[in-house]
Amino acid sequence: MRLLVLVAALGCVGGSLGLDCSPFARPWLVSLSGQTGVLLNEWWVLTNFDYNSGSHQLEARLGVDDLNGQSNTEQRVRVARWINHDPYSGFRRRKRSPMHDLALVRLAEPARFTPYVQPMALPTQCPQTGELCVVTGWGSTGSGPVSKKQQCLVQQVLSDNVCRQLNPMYWSSNLFCTGSHHTAEGSCLRDRSSILVCGGTLQGVNGFVFVSEGCSAGKPDAYSRICRYRSWIDRVMSTMTPTVGPYTTTPPTPPPVSTTWRWDDHFVS
């Protein structure tokens, strides 16, 4: 019963884990040509590393719940810059590792904040063992086909010892793991760079390695520990944000909206 109450509070639809999110419950989620990102302010989106980011014209889709079609809530904005984390950006493909598997994406024009397009707060502390979080993205939550609707799964943060034991090849202090309530099994959300939010703040971005290493292998999901990358994120955004345009680098005060999208303000102690 407690789990069902939590699922409802998190903005998920249905009676089991691996569910469609409530429509527009996550206005900070961004689709980047098949890769998921999270809106940080009107100019910037955080996602994971992409080798092909500079080889084709990219477009960010904001305010979209279902990737099939387009609604009047959606904003499509061209990507101006894709900044892979350094030194990760210098690695050759055969040397890829989960270390620093992050990228910041600058939009060509600022996003317009609406009830359907809102930024997500960056963490002021790292995730705590046992903390309940939700992983979100567009993808499959098992062996089925990829979904075009946002998917949500409740996960809990595992201890570093458990994470190290179950992912010895990829362990790093810059990573942390999540699993289901009853096992250390991952979410099976087969999505490039799914997003983990805990306590109303962004805590994790899932990278390339762990999409294939997750629940199908009986292993937990692993995420970049965003709290460890605040200085890099702040430095890039402060030095590379355009100085002209209708907005400054500080997001304007958003309009009054329903609190349903702040799903975990009421249940995380």
Protein backbone atom coordinates (compact mmCIF):
# COMPACT_ATOMS: atom_id res chain seq x y z
CA MET A 1 0.00 0.00 0.00
CA ARG A 2 2.81 2.43 0.90
CA LEU A 3 4.49 1.78 -2.46
CA LEU A 4 1.28 2.54 -4.36
CA VAL A 5 0.87 5.79 -2.42
CA LEU A 6 4.45 6.73 -3.31
CA VAL A 7 3.91 5.90 -6.96
CA ALA A 8 0.86 8.18 -7.05
CA ALA A 9 2.76 10.96 -5.28
CA LEU A 10 5.59 10.68 -7.80
CA GLY A 11 3.28 11.41 -10.71
CA CYS A 12 3.25 7.91 -12.22
CA VAL A 13 0.18 6.33 -13.80
CA GLY A 14 -0.74 2.70 -13.14
CA GLY A 15 -0.40 0.06 -10.45
CA SER A 16 3.18 -1.19 -10.78
CA LEU A 17 6.65 0.14 -11.37
CA GLY A 18 7.70 0.97 -14.89
CA LEU A 19 4.89 3.35 -15.73
CA ASP A 20 3.89 6.25 -17.91
CA CYS A 21 4.51 9.50 -16.07
CA SER A 22 1.52 11.70 -15.39
CA PRO A 23 1.19 13.99 -18.42
CA PHE A 24 3.56 16.96 -18.23
CA ALA A 25 4.56 16.06 -14.66
CA ARG A 26 8.23 16.64 -15.54
CA PRO A 27 8.46 19.97 -17.37
CA TRP A 28 12.26 19.95 -17.09
CA LEU A 29 12.66 16.89 -19.33
CA VAL A 30 14.16 17.57 -22.78
CA SER A 31 14.41 15.34 -25.84
CA LEU A 32 17.60 15.75 -27.91
CA SER A 33 17.17 13.69 -31.09
CA GLY A 34 16.65 10.45 -29.19
CA GLN A 35 18.73 11.39 -26.15
CA THR A 36 17.22 12.66 -22.89
CA GLY A 37 18.36 15.80 -21.11
CA VAL A 38 17.29 18.01 -18.23
CA LEU A 39 16.70 21.77 -18.45
CA LEU A 40 18.89 23.72 -15.98
CA ASN A 41 17.96 27.26 -16.99
CA GLU A 42 16.67 29.04 -20.07
CA TRP A 43 19.92 28.46 -22.00
CA TRP A 44 21.32 25.13 -20.79
CA VAL A 45 20.46 21.41 -20.87
CA LEU A 46 22.48 18.69 -19.12
CA THR A 47 22.77 15.25 -20.71
CA ASN A 48 25.45 12.63 -21.27
CA PHE A 49 28.37 12.41 -23.69
CA ASP A 50 27.65 12.04 -27.42
CA TYR A 51 30.30 11.35 -30.07
CA ASN A 52 28.00 12.46 -32.85
CA SER A 53 26.87 15.72 -31.29
CA GLY A 54 28.73 17.88 -33.80
CA SER A 55 28.02 15.86 -36.92
CA HIS A 56 24.39 16.81 -37.54
CA GLN A 57 21.86 19.52 -36.84
CA LEU A 58 20.33 18.94 -33.43
CA GLU A 59 17.06 20.21 -32.05
CA ALA A 60 15.84 20.27 -28.47
CA ARG A 61 12.20 19.49 -27.80
CA LEU A 62 10.82 21.04 -24.60
CA GLY A 63 7.37 20.84 -23.09
CA VAL A 64 6.63 17.54 -24.79
CA ASP A 65 5.09 14.50 -23.11
CA ASP A 66 4.57 12.19 -26.08
CA LEU A 67 7.27 12.27 -28.77
CA ASN A 68 4.74 11.22 -31.40
CA GLY A 69 3.35 14.37 -32.95
CA GLN A 70 3.44 17.88 -31.56
CA SER A 71 1.20 19.84 -29.20
CA ASN A 72 0.80 23.54 -28.54
CA THR A 73 2.80 23.11 -25.31
CA GLU A 74 5.95 22.13 -27.18
CA GLN A 75 8.95 24.34 -27.94
CA ARG A 76 11.55 23.29 -30.51
CA VAL A 77 14.88 25.05 -30.18
CA ARG A 78 18.04 24.55 -32.23
CA VAL A 79 21.17 23.46 -30.33
CA ALA A 80 23.98 26.02 -30.58
CA ARG A 81 26.77 24.23 -28.70
CA TRP A 82 27.38 20.75 -27.33
CA ILE A 83 30.13 20.70 -24.71
CA ASN A 84 31.31 17.25 -23.65
CA HIS A 85 33.04 17.06 -20.31
CA ASP A 86 36.81 17.42 -20.58
CA PRO A 87 38.92 15.19 -20.44
CA TYR A 88 36.17 12.74 -21.47
CA SER A 89 35.80 14.55 -24.78
CA GLY A 90 39.37 13.63 -25.71
CA PHE A 91 38.94 9.88 -25.24
CA ARG A 92 38.90 7.65 -28.28
CA ARG A 93 35.97 5.27 -28.61
CA ARG A 94 37.98 2.22 -27.53
CA LYS A 95 38.94 4.03 -24.34
CA ARG A 96 35.46 5.08 -23.32
CA SER A 97 34.74 4.80 -19.64
CA PRO A 98 31.90 5.90 -17.36
CA MET A 99 34.10 8.66 -15.91
CA HIS A 100 32.83 12.19 -16.63
CA ASP A 101 30.17 10.93 -19.04
CA LEU A 102 28.36 14.28 -19.14
CA ALA A 103 27.67 17.06 -21.59
CA LEU A 104 26.20 20.55 -21.39
CA VAL A 105 24.06 21.69 -24.31
CA ARG A 106 23.52 25.39 -24.99
CA LEU A 107 20.37 26.38 -26.81
CA ALA A 108 20.48 28.79 -29.74
CA GLU A 109 17.75 30.86 -28.11
CA PRO A 110 16.41 30.88 -24.57
CA ALA A 111 13.59 28.58 -23.56
CA ARG A 112 10.33 30.27 -22.63
CA PHE A 113 9.19 29.22 -19.18
CA THR A 114 5.59 28.03 -19.07
CA PRO A 115 3.71 25.53 -16.89
CA TYR A 116 5.08 22.88 -19.30
CA VAL A 117 8.69 24.10 -19.52
CA GLN A 118 10.50 24.60 -16.21
CA PRO A 119 14.12 24.24 -15.01
CA MET A 120 15.28 21.61 -12.54
CA ALA A 121 17.32 22.56 -9.47
CA LEU A 122 20.91 21.36 -9.16
CA PRO A 123 21.87 19.53 -5.94
CA THR A 124 23.40 21.20 -2.91
CA GLN A 125 24.29 17.83 -1.38
CA CYS A 126 24.93 14.32 -2.66
CA PRO A 127 22.24 11.59 -2.64
CA GLN A 128 21.83 9.62 0.57
CA THR A 129 21.74 5.83 0.89
CA GLY A 130 18.14 4.62 0.99
CA GLU A 131 16.74 7.83 -0.46
CA LEU A 132 13.75 7.31 -2.77
CA CYS A 133 14.10 8.78 -6.24
CA VAL A 134 12.49 8.54 -9.66
CA VAL A 135 14.27 7.72 -12.90
CA THR A 136 12.61 9.27 -15.94
CA GLY A 137 13.11 9.21 -19.68
CA TRP A 138 11.68 8.08 -22.98
CA GLY A 139 12.34 4.40 -23.51
CA SER A 140 11.43 0.85 -22.62
CA THR A 141 11.07 -0.31 -19.03
CA GLY A 142 11.90 -3.92 -19.90
CA SER A 143 12.16 -6.07 -22.97
CA GLY A 144 9.27 -4.37 -24.75
CA PRO A 145 9.41 -1.68 -27.44
CA VAL A 146 10.66 1.82 -26.74
CA SER A 147 7.88 4.09 -25.51
CA LYS A 148 7.35 7.57 -26.92
CA LYS A 149 5.74 8.64 -23.65
CA GLN A 150 7.73 9.63 -20.58
CA GLN A 151 8.44 6.61 -18.36
CA CYS A 152 8.85 6.75 -14.57
CA LEU A 153 10.30 4.21 -12.15
CA VAL A 154 10.73 4.47 -8.39
CA GLN A 155 14.26 3.57 -7.27
CA GLN A 156 16.26 3.84 -4.07
CA VAL A 157 19.88 4.89 -3.66
CA LEU A 158 22.19 1.97 -2.83
CA SER A 159 25.25 2.19 -0.60
CA ASP A 160 28.64 2.77 -2.20
CA ASN A 161 29.79 -0.65 -0.93
CA VAL A 162 26.95 -2.41 -2.74
CA CYS A 163 27.57 -0.36 -5.88
CA ARG A 164 31.28 -1.19 -5.83
CA GLN A 165 30.65 -4.92 -5.34
CA LEU A 166 28.08 -5.16 -8.14
CA ASN A 167 29.91 -2.92 -10.62
CA PRO A 168 33.60 -3.55 -9.84
CA MET A 169 34.74 -2.83 -13.41
CA TYR A 170 33.13 0.60 -13.54
CA TRP A 171 33.21 1.75 -9.94
CA SER A 172 34.21 5.36 -9.26
CA SER A 173 33.48 7.82 -6.49
CA ASN A 174 31.89 10.00 -9.18
CA LEU A 175 29.18 7.36 -9.64
CA PHE A 176 26.39 6.01 -7.46
CA CYS A 177 23.87 3.20 -7.91
CA THR A 178 20.13 2.76 -7.57
CA GLY A 179 17.98 -0.34 -7.49
CA SER A 180 14.43 -1.45 -6.84
CA HIS A 181 12.93 -1.53 -3.36
CA HIS A 182 13.43 -5.27 -2.94
CA THR A 183 16.56 -6.04 -4.99
CA ALA A 184 19.62 -4.31 -6.39
CA GLU A 185 18.21 -4.78 -9.88
CA GLY A 186 18.23 -1.78 -12.17
CA SER A 187 15.34 -0.04 -13.85
CA CYS A 188 15.59 -1.52 -17.39
CA LEU A 189 14.77 1.94 -18.71
CA ARG A 190 16.51 1.51 -22.04
CA ASP A 191 16.96 5.18 -22.72
CA ARG A 192 20.06 7.18 -23.55
CA SER A 193 20.85 9.35 -20.51
CA SER A 194 17.79 8.78 -18.33
CA ILE A 195 17.43 11.31 -15.50
CA LEU A 196 17.30 10.64 -11.75
CA VAL A 197 15.64 13.18 -9.45
CA CYS A 198 15.66 12.91 -5.64
CA GLY A 199 14.11 15.33 -3.18
CA GLY A 200 13.13 17.80 -5.90
CA THR A 201 16.68 18.16 -7.26
CA LEU A 202 18.67 16.59 -10.07
CA GLN A 203 21.02 13.92 -8.71
CA GLY A 204 21.98 11.61 -11.58
CA VAL A 205 22.37 11.18 -15.34
CA ASN A 206 22.65 7.62 -16.63
CA GLY A 207 25.47 7.07 -19.12
CA PHE A 208 26.24 4.76 -22.01
CA VAL A 209 27.72 1.80 -20.10
CA PHE A 210 24.81 1.17 -17.83
CA VAL A 211 22.04 0.98 -20.40
CA SER A 212 23.29 -2.51 -21.27
CA GLU A 213 24.57 -3.38 -17.80
CA GLY A 214 21.32 -2.80 -15.93
CA CYS A 215 18.52 -5.10 -14.88
CA SER A 216 18.91 -7.59 -17.74
CA ALA A 217 22.25 -8.52 -16.18
CA GLY A 218 20.86 -8.43 -12.64
CA LYS A 219 22.86 -5.32 -11.83
CA PRO A 220 21.83 -1.92 -10.47
CA ASP A 221 21.76 1.27 -12.51
CA ALA A 222 24.69 3.65 -12.10
CA TYR A 223 24.54 7.42 -12.47
CA SER A 224 26.99 10.27 -12.69
CA ARG A 225 26.96 11.89 -9.25
CA ILE A 226 25.91 15.38 -10.28
CA CYS A 227 26.86 16.87 -6.92
CA ARG A 228 30.51 16.18 -7.85
CA TYR A 229 30.18 18.18 -11.07
CA ARG A 230 28.69 21.41 -9.75
CA SER A 231 31.90 23.38 -10.24
CA TRP A 232 32.21 22.25 -13.88
CA ILE A 233 28.54 22.93 -14.61
CA ASP A 234 28.65 26.36 -12.96
CA ARG A 235 31.91 27.29 -14.72
CA VAL A 236 30.66 26.37 -18.18
CA MET A 237 27.32 28.11 -17.74
CA SER A 238 28.87 31.27 -16.28
CA THR A 239 31.48 31.65 -19.02
CA MET A 240 29.56 30.50 -22.11
CA THR A 241 26.07 31.91 -21.65
CA PRO A 242 25.19 34.59 -24.20
CA THR A 243 25.17 38.12 -22.81
CA VAL A 244 22.50 39.34 -25.20
CA GLY A 245 18.88 38.33 -25.55
CA PRO A 246 15.63 38.76 -23.68
CA TYR A 247 16.89 36.91 -20.59
CA THR A 248 19.92 37.14 -18.36
CA THR A 249 21.78 34.09 -17.03
CA THR A 250 19.39 34.01 -14.07
CA PRO A 251 16.07 32.32 -14.92
CA PRO A 252 13.08 34.64 -14.61
CA THR A 253 10.51 33.92 -11.97
CA PRO A 254 8.30 31.15 -13.40
CA PRO A 255 4.55 31.65 -13.57
CA PRO A 256 2.32 30.05 -10.93
CA VAL A 257 1.85 26.39 -11.78
CA SER A 258 0.39 23.28 -10.25
CA THR A 259 2.67 21.66 -7.69
CA THR A 260 2.12 18.17 -9.14
CA TRP A 261 5.44 18.25 -10.97
CA ARG A 262 7.32 18.75 -7.69
CA TRP A 263 6.55 15.12 -7.02
CA ASP A 264 8.83 14.38 -4.11
CA ASP A 265 8.51 17.50 -1.97
CA HIS A 266 5.96 15.71 0.19
CA PHE A 267 7.30 12.25 0.77
CA VAL A 268 11.10 12.43 1.14
CA SER A 269 12.01 13.02 4.72
